[in-house]
C-alpha atoms as a PDB file:
ATOM      1  CA  MET A   1      33.282 -85.396-187.357  1.00  0.00           C
ATOM      2  CA  GLY A   2      31.179 -81.735-187.510  1.00  0.00           C
ATOM      3  CA  ASN A   3      28.050 -80.592-187.808  1.00  0.00           C
ATOM      4  CA  VAL A   4      25.698 -82.943-189.995  1.00  0.00           C
ATOM      5  CA  GLY A   5      23.973 -80.431-193.008  1.00  0.00           C
ATOM      6  CA  VAL A   6      21.478 -80.459-195.693  1.00  0.00           C
ATOM      7  CA  THR A   7      23.783 -81.990-198.274  1.00  0.00           C
ATOM      8  CA  GLU A   8      24.464 -85.049-196.245  1.00  0.00           C
ATOM      9  CA  ILE A   9      21.422 -85.972-195.421  1.00  0.00           C
ATOM     10  CA  LEU A  10      20.517 -85.758-199.112  1.00  0.00           C
ATOM     11  CA  LEU A  11      23.266 -87.449-199.526  1.00  0.00           C
ATOM     12  CA  ILE A  12      22.562 -90.587-197.568  1.00  0.00           C
ATOM     13  CA  ALA A  13      18.754 -90.087-198.733  1.00  0.00           C
ATOM     14  CA  VAL A  14      19.913 -90.724-202.157  1.00  0.00           C
ATOM     15  CA  VAL A  15      22.428 -93.766-201.253  1.00  0.00           C
ATOM     16  CA  ALA A  16      19.697 -95.827-199.165  1.00  0.00           C
ATOM     17  CA  LEU A  17      16.875 -95.016-202.094  1.00  0.00           C
ATOM     18  CA  LEU A  18      19.379 -97.011-204.647  1.00  0.00           C
ATOM     19  CA  LEU A  19      20.604 -99.365-202.036  1.00  0.00           C
ATOM     20  CA  PHE A  20      16.604-100.398-201.556  1.00  0.00           C
ATOM     21  CA  GLY A  21      13.979 -98.987-204.089  1.00  0.00           C
ATOM     22  CA  ALA A  22      11.591 -96.692-202.888  1.00  0.00           C
ATOM     23  CA  ARG A  23       8.908 -99.527-201.879  1.00  0.00           C
ATOM     24  CA  ARG A  24      11.657-101.172-199.677  1.00  0.00           C
ATOM     25  CA  ILE A  25      11.722 -97.265-197.815  1.00  0.00           C
ATOM     26  CA  GLY A  26       8.494 -97.179-197.227  1.00  0.00           C
ATOM     27  CA  ASP A  27       8.320-100.589-195.661  1.00  0.00           C
ATOM     28  CA  ILE A  28      10.702-100.262-192.839  1.00  0.00           C
ATOM     29  CA  GLY A  29       9.723 -96.809-192.178  1.00  0.00           C
ATOM     30  CA  LYS A  30       6.180 -98.179-191.417  1.00  0.00           C
ATOM     31  CA  GLY A  31       7.822-101.157-189.561  1.00  0.00           C
ATOM     32  CA  LEU A  32       9.346 -98.263-187.427  1.00  0.00           C
ATOM     33  CA  GLY A  33       6.631 -96.478-186.913  1.00  0.00           C
ATOM     34  CA  GLU A  34       4.551 -99.373-185.657  1.00  0.00           C
ATOM     35  CA  GLY A  35       7.404-100.248-183.479  1.00  0.00           C
ATOM     36  CA  ILE A  36       7.715 -96.482-182.143  1.00  0.00           C
ATOM     37  CA  LYS A  37       3.917 -96.669-181.356  1.00  0.00           C
ATOM     38  CA  ASN A  38       4.002 -99.351-179.945  1.00  0.00           C
ATOM     39  CA  PHE A  39       6.783 -98.871-177.479  1.00  0.00           C
ATOM     40  CA  LYS A  40       4.835 -96.183-176.384  1.00  0.00           C
ATOM     41  CA  GLN A  41       1.952 -97.951-175.517  1.00  0.00           C
ATOM     42  CA  GLY A  42       3.957-100.184-173.892  1.00  0.00           C
ATOM     43  CA  LEU A  43       5.188 -98.005-171.763  1.00  0.00           C
ATOM     44  CA  LYS A  44       1.971 -96.475-170.841  1.00  0.00           C
ATOM     45  CA  GLU A  45       0.885 -99.707-169.931  1.00  0.00           C
ATOM     46  CA  ALA A  46       3.680-100.495-167.147  1.00  0.00           C
ATOM     47  CA  ASP A  47       2.991 -96.500-165.727  1.00  0.00           C
ATOM     48  CA  GLU A  48      -0.790 -97.639-165.453  1.00  0.00           C
ATOM     49  CA  LEU A  49      -0.028-101.177-163.910  1.00  0.00           C
ATOM     50  CA  ASP A  50       2.577 -99.336-161.299  1.00  0.00           C
ATOM     51  CA  SER A  51       0.029 -96.922-160.821  1.00  0.00           C
ATOM     52  CA  ASP A  52      -2.593 -99.258-159.618  1.00  0.00           C
ATOM     53  CA  LYS A  53      -0.341-101.424-157.771  1.00  0.00           C
ATOM     54  CA  LYS A  54       0.936 -98.345-155.226  1.00  0.00           C
ATOM     55  CA  GLN A  55      -2.914 -97.969-154.907  1.00  0.00           C
ATOM     56  CA  LEU A  56      -3.659-100.961-153.519  1.00  0.00           C
ATOM     57  CA  PRO A  57      -3.476-101.237-149.640  1.00  0.00           C
ATOM     58  CA  ALA A  58      -0.485-103.177-147.785  1.00  0.00           C
ATOM     59  CA  GLY A  59      -1.023-106.991-148.064  1.00  0.00           C
ATOM     60  CA  ASP A  60      -2.788-109.626-150.227  1.00  0.00           C
ATOM     61  CA  ALA A  61      -6.623-108.294-150.345  1.00  0.00           C
ATOM     62  CA  THR A  62      -7.820-111.627-151.542  1.00  0.00           C
ATOM     63  CA  ARG A  63      -6.383-113.655-148.855  1.00  0.00           C
ATOM     64  CA  GLY A  64      -7.963-111.357-145.822  1.00  0.00           C
ATOM     65  CA  GLU A  65     -11.289-111.738-148.020  1.00  0.00           C
ATOM     66  CA  ALA A  66     -11.025-115.539-147.893  1.00  0.00           C
ATOM     67  CA  SER A  67      -9.898-116.133-145.006  1.00  0.00           C
ATOM     68  CA  ALA A  68     -13.227-113.699-143.636  1.00  0.00           C
ATOM     69  CA  LYS A  69     -15.283-115.619-145.855  1.00  0.00           C
ATOM     70  CA  LYS A  70     -14.065-119.167-144.251  1.00  0.00           C
ATOM     71  CA  SER A  71     -14.464-118.202-140.807  1.00  0.00           C
ATOM     72  CA  ASP A  72     -17.907-116.787-140.924  1.00  0.00           C
ATOM     73  CA  GLY A  73     -20.080-119.702-142.499  1.00  0.00           C
ATOM     74  CA  ASP A  74     -18.013-121.712-140.153  1.00  0.00           C
ATOM     75  CA  PRO A  75     -18.667-121.800-136.204  1.00  0.00           C
ATOM     76  CA  ALA A  76     -16.039-123.850-135.151  1.00  0.00           C
ATOM     77  CA  VAL A  77     -13.154-121.448-136.569  1.00  0.00           C
ATOM     78  CA  LYS A  78     -12.263-119.529-133.696  1.00  0.00           C
ATOM     79  CA  GLN A  79     -11.487-115.228-134.830  1.00  0.00           C
ATOM     80  CA  ALA A  80      -9.291-113.422-132.886  1.00  0.00           C
END
């Protein structure tokens, strides 16, 4: 189980070409490339969401705004 050389890689490529054909290997390569691209894009979007969450202040901002709106318009609501 040593190093894989050029001869072994060529042998594997020839066997794959014989088994699947040139068109099918192209489709497999295209699908693999698109899968890697989508995976990287998903990681990037997840990182952006995480960084956005870290920038928000502690607590829920929408809840605070809603309670402030209710108390401003209603004189019966006592503010602390």
